[in-house]
Amino acid sequence: MKKDSNFNKDVASAKKTAKASLSDAKKKLLKAEKDVEKFVEHNPKKAVAIAVGIGAAIGAAIATIAKHSKK
């Protein structure tokens, strides 16, 4: 019986830690979202250039993968 009690305490502790971690992650994600929105508002041309660069890199990676998978 004592083992079950310790197990339940460990599970409860893990749940509490996981909930706290999730809460912290949500807060950080919301802050990051606000920071990105501010950056885009203040630097629209840079934001577009960054998006184009990322899109080009992803496109090049996909093209390379597709080229190698045909061989």
PDB file of N, CA and C in Angstrom:
ATOM      1  N   MET A   1       0.809  -1.203   0.000  1.00  0.00           N
ATOM      2  CA  MET A   1       0.000   0.000   0.000  1.00  0.00           C
ATOM      3  C   MET A   1       0.848   1.261   0.000  1.00  0.00           C
ATOM      4  N   LYS A   2       1.960   1.224   0.717  1.00  0.00           N
ATOM      5  CA  LYS A   2       2.800   2.411   0.814  1.00  0.00           C
ATOM      6  C   LYS A   2       3.383   2.788  -0.549  1.00  0.00           C
ATOM      7  N   LYS A   3       3.706   1.788  -1.364  1.00  0.00           N
ATOM      8  CA  LYS A   3       4.246   2.043  -2.694  1.00  0.00           C
ATOM      9  C   LYS A   3       3.229   2.780  -3.551  1.00  0.00           C
ATOM     10  N   ASP A   4       1.952   2.387  -3.462  1.00  0.00           N
ATOM     11  CA  ASP A   4       0.903   3.055  -4.222  1.00  0.00           C
ATOM     12  C   ASP A   4       0.768   4.512  -3.794  1.00  0.00           C
ATOM     13  N   SER A   5       0.901   4.747  -2.515  1.00  0.00           N
ATOM     14  CA  SER A   5       0.802   6.108  -1.990  1.00  0.00           C
ATOM     15  C   SER A   5       1.942   6.971  -2.528  1.00  0.00           C
ATOM     16  N   ASN A   6       3.153   6.423  -2.541  1.00  0.00           N
ATOM     17  CA  ASN A   6       4.291   7.166  -3.083  1.00  0.00           C
ATOM     18  C   ASN A   6       4.131   7.408  -4.569  1.00  0.00           C
ATOM     19  N   PHE A   7       3.626   6.405  -5.265  1.00  0.00           N
ATOM     20  CA  PHE A   7       3.403   6.542  -6.700  1.00  0.00           C
ATOM     21  C   PHE A   7       2.401   7.657  -6.979  1.00  0.00           C
ATOM     22  N   ASN A   8       1.306   7.662  -6.239  1.00  0.00           N
ATOM     23  CA  ASN A   8       0.283   8.691  -6.423  1.00  0.00           C
ATOM     24  C   ASN A   8       0.833  10.076  -6.117  1.00  0.00           C
ATOM     25  N   LYS A   9       1.667  10.182  -5.086  1.00  0.00           N
ATOM     26  CA  LYS A   9       2.290  11.468  -4.763  1.00  0.00           C
ATOM     27  C   LYS A   9       3.222  11.911  -5.881  1.00  0.00           C
ATOM     28  N   ASP A  10       3.978  10.952  -6.430  1.00  0.00           N
ATOM     29  CA  ASP A  10       4.888  11.269  -7.530  1.00  0.00           C
ATOM     30  C   ASP A  10       4.122  11.729  -8.770  1.00  0.00           C
ATOM     31  N   VAL A  11       3.026  11.059  -9.054  1.00  0.00           N
ATOM     32  CA  VAL A  11       2.203  11.439 -10.205  1.00  0.00           C
ATOM     33  C   VAL A  11       1.609  12.828  -9.991  1.00  0.00           C
ATOM     34  N   ALA A  12       1.113  13.085  -8.804  1.00  0.00           N
ATOM     35  CA  ALA A  12       0.533  14.403  -8.503  1.00  0.00           C
ATOM     36  C   ALA A  12       1.597  15.486  -8.620  1.00  0.00           C
ATOM     37  N   SER A  13       2.782  15.195  -8.135  1.00  0.00           N
ATOM     38  CA  SER A  13       3.878  16.155  -8.227  1.00  0.00           C
ATOM     39  C   SER A  13       4.267  16.403  -9.678  1.00  0.00           C
ATOM     40  N   ALA A  14       4.312  15.342 -10.473  1.00  0.00           N
ATOM     41  CA  ALA A  14       4.654  15.474 -11.893  1.00  0.00           C
ATOM     42  C   ALA A  14       3.599  16.289 -12.631  1.00  0.00           C
ATOM     43  N   LYS A  15       2.317  16.056 -12.301  1.00  0.00           N
ATOM     44  CA  LYS A  15       1.235  16.829 -12.924  1.00  0.00           C
ATOM     45  C   LYS A  15       1.362  18.303 -12.580  1.00  0.00           C
ATOM     46  N   LYS A  16       1.655  18.592 -11.318  1.00  0.00           N
ATOM     47  CA  LYS A  16       1.790  19.982 -10.880  1.00  0.00           C
ATOM     48  C   LYS A  16       2.947  20.656 -11.616  1.00  0.00           C
ATOM     49  N   THR A  17       4.068  19.945 -11.727  1.00  0.00           N
ATOM     50  CA  THR A  17       5.230  20.487 -12.429  1.00  0.00           C
ATOM     51  C   THR A  17       4.914  20.694 -13.909  1.00  0.00           C
ATOM     52  N   ALA A  18       4.231  19.743 -14.520  1.00  0.00           N
ATOM     53  CA  ALA A  18       3.879  19.850 -15.938  1.00  0.00           C
ATOM     54  C   ALA A  18       2.933  21.029 -16.178  1.00  0.00           C
ATOM     55  N   LYS A  19       1.953  21.205 -15.289  1.00  0.00           N
ATOM     56  CA  LYS A  19       1.028  22.329 -15.440  1.00  0.00           C
ATOM     57  C   LYS A  19       1.752  23.659 -15.309  1.00  0.00           C
ATOM     58  N   ALA A  20       2.695  23.756 -14.374  1.00  0.00           N
ATOM     59  CA  ALA A  20       3.463  24.985 -14.200  1.00  0.00           C
ATOM     60  C   ALA A  20       4.332  25.252 -15.425  1.00  0.00           C
ATOM     61  N   SER A  21       4.936  24.204 -15.947  1.00  0.00           N
ATOM     62  CA  SER A  21       5.773  24.353 -17.145  1.00  0.00           C
ATOM     63  C   SER A  21       4.937  24.783 -18.338  1.00  0.00           C
ATOM     64  N   LEU A  22       3.749  24.204 -18.492  1.00  0.00           N
ATOM     65  CA  LEU A  22       2.864  24.575 -19.589  1.00  0.00           C
ATOM     66  C   LEU A  22       2.428  26.029 -19.456  1.00  0.00           C
ATOM     67  N   SER A  23       2.119  26.440 -18.256  1.00  0.00           N
ATOM     68  CA  SER A  23       1.723  27.823 -18.019  1.00  0.00           C
ATOM     69  C   SER A  23       2.855  28.782 -18.377  1.00  0.00           C
ATOM     70  N   ASP A  24       4.075  28.458 -17.966  1.00  0.00           N
ATOM     71  CA  ASP A  24       5.233  29.291 -18.303  1.00  0.00           C
ATOM     72  C   ASP A  24       5.449  29.342 -19.809  1.00  0.00           C
ATOM     73  N   ALA A  25       5.308  28.202 -20.474  1.00  0.00           N
ATOM     74  CA  ALA A  25       5.500  28.145 -21.921  1.00  0.00           C
ATOM     75  C   ALA A  25       4.462  29.005 -22.640  1.00  0.00           C
ATOM     76  N   LYS A  26       3.216  28.952 -22.171  1.00  0.00           N
ATOM     77  CA  LYS A  26       2.155  29.771 -22.782  1.00  0.00           C
ATOM     78  C   LYS A  26       2.466  31.250 -22.639  1.00  0.00           C
ATOM     79  N   LYS A  27       2.923  31.649 -21.443  1.00  0.00           N
ATOM     80  CA  LYS A  27       3.261  33.051 -21.213  1.00  0.00           C
ATOM     81  C   LYS A  27       4.393  33.504 -22.129  1.00  0.00           C
ATOM     82  N   LYS A  28       5.415  32.664 -22.261  1.00  0.00           N
ATOM     83  CA  LYS A  28       6.547  33.001 -23.128  1.00  0.00           C
ATOM     84  C   LYS A  28       6.119  33.068 -24.586  1.00  0.00           C
ATOM     85  N   LEU A  29       5.250  32.165 -25.009  1.00  0.00           N
ATOM     86  CA  LEU A  29       4.771  32.164 -26.380  1.00  0.00           C
ATOM     87  C   LEU A  29       3.951  33.417 -26.673  1.00  0.00           C
ATOM     88  N   LEU A  30       3.091  33.816 -25.750  1.00  0.00           N
ATOM     89  CA  LEU A  30       2.293  35.029 -25.944  1.00  0.00           C
ATOM     90  C   LEU A  30       3.181  36.272 -26.014  1.00  0.00           C
ATOM     91  N   LYS A  31       4.221  36.314 -25.183  1.00  0.00           N
ATOM     92  CA  LYS A  31       5.149  37.441 -25.229  1.00  0.00           C
ATOM     93  C   LYS A  31       5.896  37.466 -26.553  1.00  0.00           C
ATOM     94  N   ALA A  32       6.331  36.306 -27.015  1.00  0.00           N
ATOM     95  CA  ALA A  32       7.039  36.221 -28.294  1.00  0.00           C
ATOM     96  C   ALA A  32       6.129  36.666 -29.435  1.00  0.00           C
ATOM     97  N   GLU A  33       4.861  36.275 -29.371  1.00  0.00           N
ATOM     98  CA  GLU A  33       3.906  36.679 -30.399  1.00  0.00           C
ATOM     99  C   GLU A  33       3.760  38.206 -30.438  1.00  0.00           C
ATOM    100  N   LYS A  34       3.653  38.813 -29.269  1.00  0.00           N
ATOM    101  CA  LYS A  34       3.544  40.274 -29.203  1.00  0.00           C
ATOM    102  C   LYS A  34       4.808  40.938 -29.730  1.00  0.00           C
ATOM    103  N   ASP A  35       5.966  40.370 -29.393  1.00  0.00           N
ATOM    104  CA  ASP A  35       7.239  40.923 -29.873  1.00  0.00           C
ATOM    105  C   ASP A  35       7.329  40.855 -31.396  1.00  0.00           C
ATOM    106  N   VAL A  36       6.881  39.749 -31.970  1.00  0.00           N
ATOM    107  CA  VAL A  36       6.905  39.602 -33.428  1.00  0.00           C
ATOM    108  C   VAL A  36       5.955  40.603 -34.074  1.00  0.00           C
ATOM    109  N   GLU A  37       4.775  40.757 -33.497  1.00  0.00           N
ATOM    110  CA  GLU A  37       3.814  41.723 -34.042  1.00  0.00           C
ATOM    111  C   GLU A  37       4.394  43.137 -34.017  1.00  0.00           C
ATOM    112  N   LYS A  38       5.047  43.508 -32.921  1.00  0.00           N
ATOM    113  CA  LYS A  38       5.669  44.838 -32.833  1.00  0.00           C
ATOM    114  C   LYS A  38       6.766  44.986 -33.873  1.00  0.00           C
ATOM    115  N   PHE A  39       7.587  43.943 -34.043  1.00  0.00           N
ATOM    116  CA  PHE A  39       8.668  43.995 -35.028  1.00  0.00           C
ATOM    117  C   PHE A  39       8.102  44.204 -36.430  1.00  0.00           C
ATOM    118  N   VAL A  40       7.053  43.449 -36.766  1.00  0.00           N
ATOM    119  CA  VAL A  40       6.462  43.559 -38.099  1.00  0.00           C
ATOM    120  C   VAL A  40       5.858  44.943 -38.302  1.00  0.00           C
ATOM    121  N   GLU A  41       5.216  45.481 -37.265  1.00  0.00           N
ATOM    122  CA  GLU A  41       4.632  46.822 -37.377  1.00  0.00           C
ATOM    123  C   GLU A  41       5.707  47.881 -37.620  1.00  0.00           C
ATOM    124  N   HIS A  42       6.827  47.749 -36.923  1.00  0.00           N
ATOM    125  CA  HIS A  42       7.881  48.757 -37.021  1.00  0.00           C
ATOM    126  C   HIS A  42       8.854  48.507 -38.171  1.00  0.00           C
ATOM    127  N   ASN A  43       8.917  47.291 -38.673  1.00  0.00           N
ATOM    128  CA  ASN A  43       9.868  46.928 -39.728  1.00  0.00           C
ATOM    129  C   ASN A  43       9.195  46.061 -40.796  1.00  0.00           C
ATOM    130  N   PRO A  44       8.194  46.582 -41.483  1.00  0.00           N
ATOM    131  CA  PRO A  44       7.467  45.726 -42.426  1.00  0.00           C
ATOM    132  C   PRO A  44       8.333  45.211 -43.575  1.00  0.00           C
ATOM    133  N   LYS A  45       9.249  46.039 -44.070  1.00  0.00           N
ATOM    134  CA  LYS A  45      10.091  45.606 -45.190  1.00  0.00           C
ATOM    135  C   LYS A  45      11.044  44.494 -44.751  1.00  0.00           C
ATOM    136  N   LYS A  46      11.608  44.627 -43.574  1.00  0.00           N
ATOM    137  CA  LYS A  46      12.491  43.575 -43.056  1.00  0.00           C
ATOM    138  C   LYS A  46      11.715  42.287 -42.836  1.00  0.00           C
ATOM    139  N   ALA A  47      10.497  42.419 -42.323  1.00  0.00           N
ATOM    140  CA  ALA A  47       9.680  41.241 -42.061  1.00  0.00           C
ATOM    141  C   ALA A  47       9.377  40.492 -43.353  1.00  0.00           C
ATOM    142  N   VAL A  48       9.056  41.229 -44.405  1.00  0.00           N
ATOM    143  CA  VAL A  48       8.793  40.599 -45.704  1.00  0.00           C
ATOM    144  C   VAL A  48      10.066  39.951 -46.239  1.00  0.00           C
ATOM    145  N   ALA A  49      11.188  40.640 -46.118  1.00  0.00           N
ATOM    146  CA  ALA A  49      12.457  40.083 -46.597  1.00  0.00           C
ATOM    147  C   ALA A  49      12.807  38.790 -45.847  1.00  0.00           C
ATOM    148  N   ILE A  50      12.589  38.791 -44.551  1.00  0.00           N
ATOM    149  CA  ILE A  50      12.854  37.588 -43.757  1.00  0.00           C
ATOM    150  C   ILE A  50      11.935  36.455 -44.204  1.00  0.00           C
ATOM    151  N   ALA A  51      10.657  36.748 -44.395  1.00  0.00           N
ATOM    152  CA  ALA A  51       9.702  35.727 -44.827  1.00  0.00           C
ATOM    153  C   ALA A  51      10.076  35.166 -46.197  1.00  0.00           C
ATOM    154  N   VAL A  52      10.485  36.046 -47.111  1.00  0.00           N
ATOM    155  CA  VAL A  52      10.901  35.596 -48.448  1.00  0.00           C
ATOM    156  C   VAL A  52      12.134  34.706 -48.343  1.00  0.00           C
ATOM    157  N   GLY A  53      13.082  35.104 -47.512  1.00  0.00           N
ATOM    158  CA  GLY A  53      14.301  34.308 -47.329  1.00  0.00           C
ATOM    159  C   GLY A  53      14.006  32.934 -46.757  1.00  0.00           C
ATOM    160  N   ILE A  54      13.146  32.889 -45.767  1.00  0.00           N
ATOM    161  CA  ILE A  54      12.779  31.605 -45.172  1.00  0.00           C
ATOM    162  C   ILE A  54      12.045  30.738 -46.196  1.00  0.00           C
ATOM    163  N   GLY A  55      11.140  31.348 -46.940  1.00  0.00           N
ATOM    164  CA  GLY A  55      10.417  30.608 -47.981  1.00  0.00           C
ATOM    165  C   GLY A  55      11.348  30.056 -49.041  1.00  0.00           C
ATOM    166  N   ALA A  56      12.329  30.863 -49.453  1.00  0.00           N
ATOM    167  CA  ALA A  56      13.298  30.413 -50.456  1.00  0.00           C
ATOM    168  C   ALA A  56      14.139  29.261 -49.917  1.00  0.00           C
ATOM    169  N   ALA A  57      14.551  29.358 -48.663  1.00  0.00           N
ATOM    170  CA  ALA A  57      15.350  28.282 -48.060  1.00  0.00           C
ATOM    171  C   ALA A  57      14.558  26.983 -47.963  1.00  0.00           C
ATOM    172  N   ILE A  58      13.308  27.094 -47.560  1.00  0.00           N
ATOM    173  CA  ILE A  58      12.457  25.899 -47.469  1.00  0.00           C
ATOM    174  C   ILE A  58      12.222  25.314 -48.862  1.00  0.00           C
ATOM    175  N   GLY A  59      11.966  26.181 -49.842  1.00  0.00           N
ATOM    176  CA  GLY A  59      11.767  25.716 -51.216  1.00  0.00           C
ATOM    177  C   GLY A  59      12.996  25.016 -51.757  1.00  0.00           C
ATOM    178  N   ALA A  60      14.185  25.577 -51.492  1.00  0.00           N
ATOM    179  CA  ALA A  60      15.430  24.961 -51.946  1.00  0.00           C
ATOM    180  C   ALA A  60      15.645  23.610 -51.278  1.00  0.00           C
ATOM    181  N   ALA A  61      15.327  23.536 -49.991  1.00  0.00           N
ATOM    182  CA  ALA A  61      15.486  22.266 -49.276  1.00  0.00           C
ATOM    183  C   ALA A  61      14.542  21.207 -49.837  1.00  0.00           C
ATOM    184  N   ILE A  62      13.313  21.581 -50.105  1.00  0.00           N
ATOM    185  CA  ILE A  62      12.343  20.640 -50.674  1.00  0.00           C
ATOM    186  C   ILE A  62      12.782  20.194 -52.061  1.00  0.00           C
ATOM    187  N   ALA A  63      13.255  21.143 -52.868  1.00  0.00           N
ATOM    188  CA  ALA A  63      13.719  20.795 -54.218  1.00  0.00           C
ATOM    189  C   ALA A  63      14.898  19.837 -54.157  1.00  0.00           C
ATOM    190  N   THR A  64      15.822  20.070 -53.225  1.00  0.00           N
ATOM    191  CA  THR A  64      16.983  19.190 -53.074  1.00  0.00           C
ATOM    192  C   THR A  64      16.555  17.801 -52.643  1.00  0.00           C
ATOM    193  N   ILE A  65      15.648  17.729 -51.703  1.00  0.00           N
ATOM    194  CA  ILE A  65      15.146  16.431 -51.227  1.00  0.00           C
ATOM    195  C   ILE A  65      14.435  15.701 -52.360  1.00  0.00           C
ATOM    196  N   ALA A  66      13.597  16.419 -53.116  1.00  0.00           N
ATOM    197  CA  ALA A  66      12.872  15.796 -54.218  1.00  0.00           C
ATOM    198  C   ALA A  66      13.832  15.301 -55.285  1.00  0.00           C
ATOM    199  N   LYS A  67      14.863  16.074 -55.559  1.00  0.00           N
ATOM    200  CA  LYS A  67      15.859  15.688 -56.576  1.00  0.00           C
ATOM    201  C   LYS A  67      16.573  14.412 -56.163  1.00  0.00           C
ATOM    202  N   HIS A  68      16.967  14.317 -54.898  1.00  0.00           N
ATOM    203  CA  HIS A  68      17.691  13.138 -54.410  1.00  0.00           C
ATOM    204  C   HIS A  68      16.789  11.917 -54.275  1.00  0.00           C
ATOM    205  N   SER A  69      15.501  12.125 -54.048  1.00  0.00           N
ATOM    206  CA  SER A  69      14.605  10.969 -53.885  1.00  0.00           C
ATOM    207  C   SER A  69      14.264  10.339 -55.216  1.00  0.00           C
ATOM    208  N   LYS A  70      14.454  11.054 -56.342  1.00  0.00           N
ATOM    209  CA  LYS A  70      14.167  10.507 -57.671  1.00  0.00           C
ATOM    210  C   LYS A  70      15.256   9.554 -58.141  1.00  0.00           C
ATOM    211  N   LYS A  71      16.439   9.633 -57.550  1.00  0.00           N
ATOM    212  CA  LYS A  71      17.563   8.804 -58.008  1.00  0.00           C
ATOM    213  C   LYS A  71      17.417   7.386 -57.635  1.00  0.00           C
TER     214      LYS A  71
END
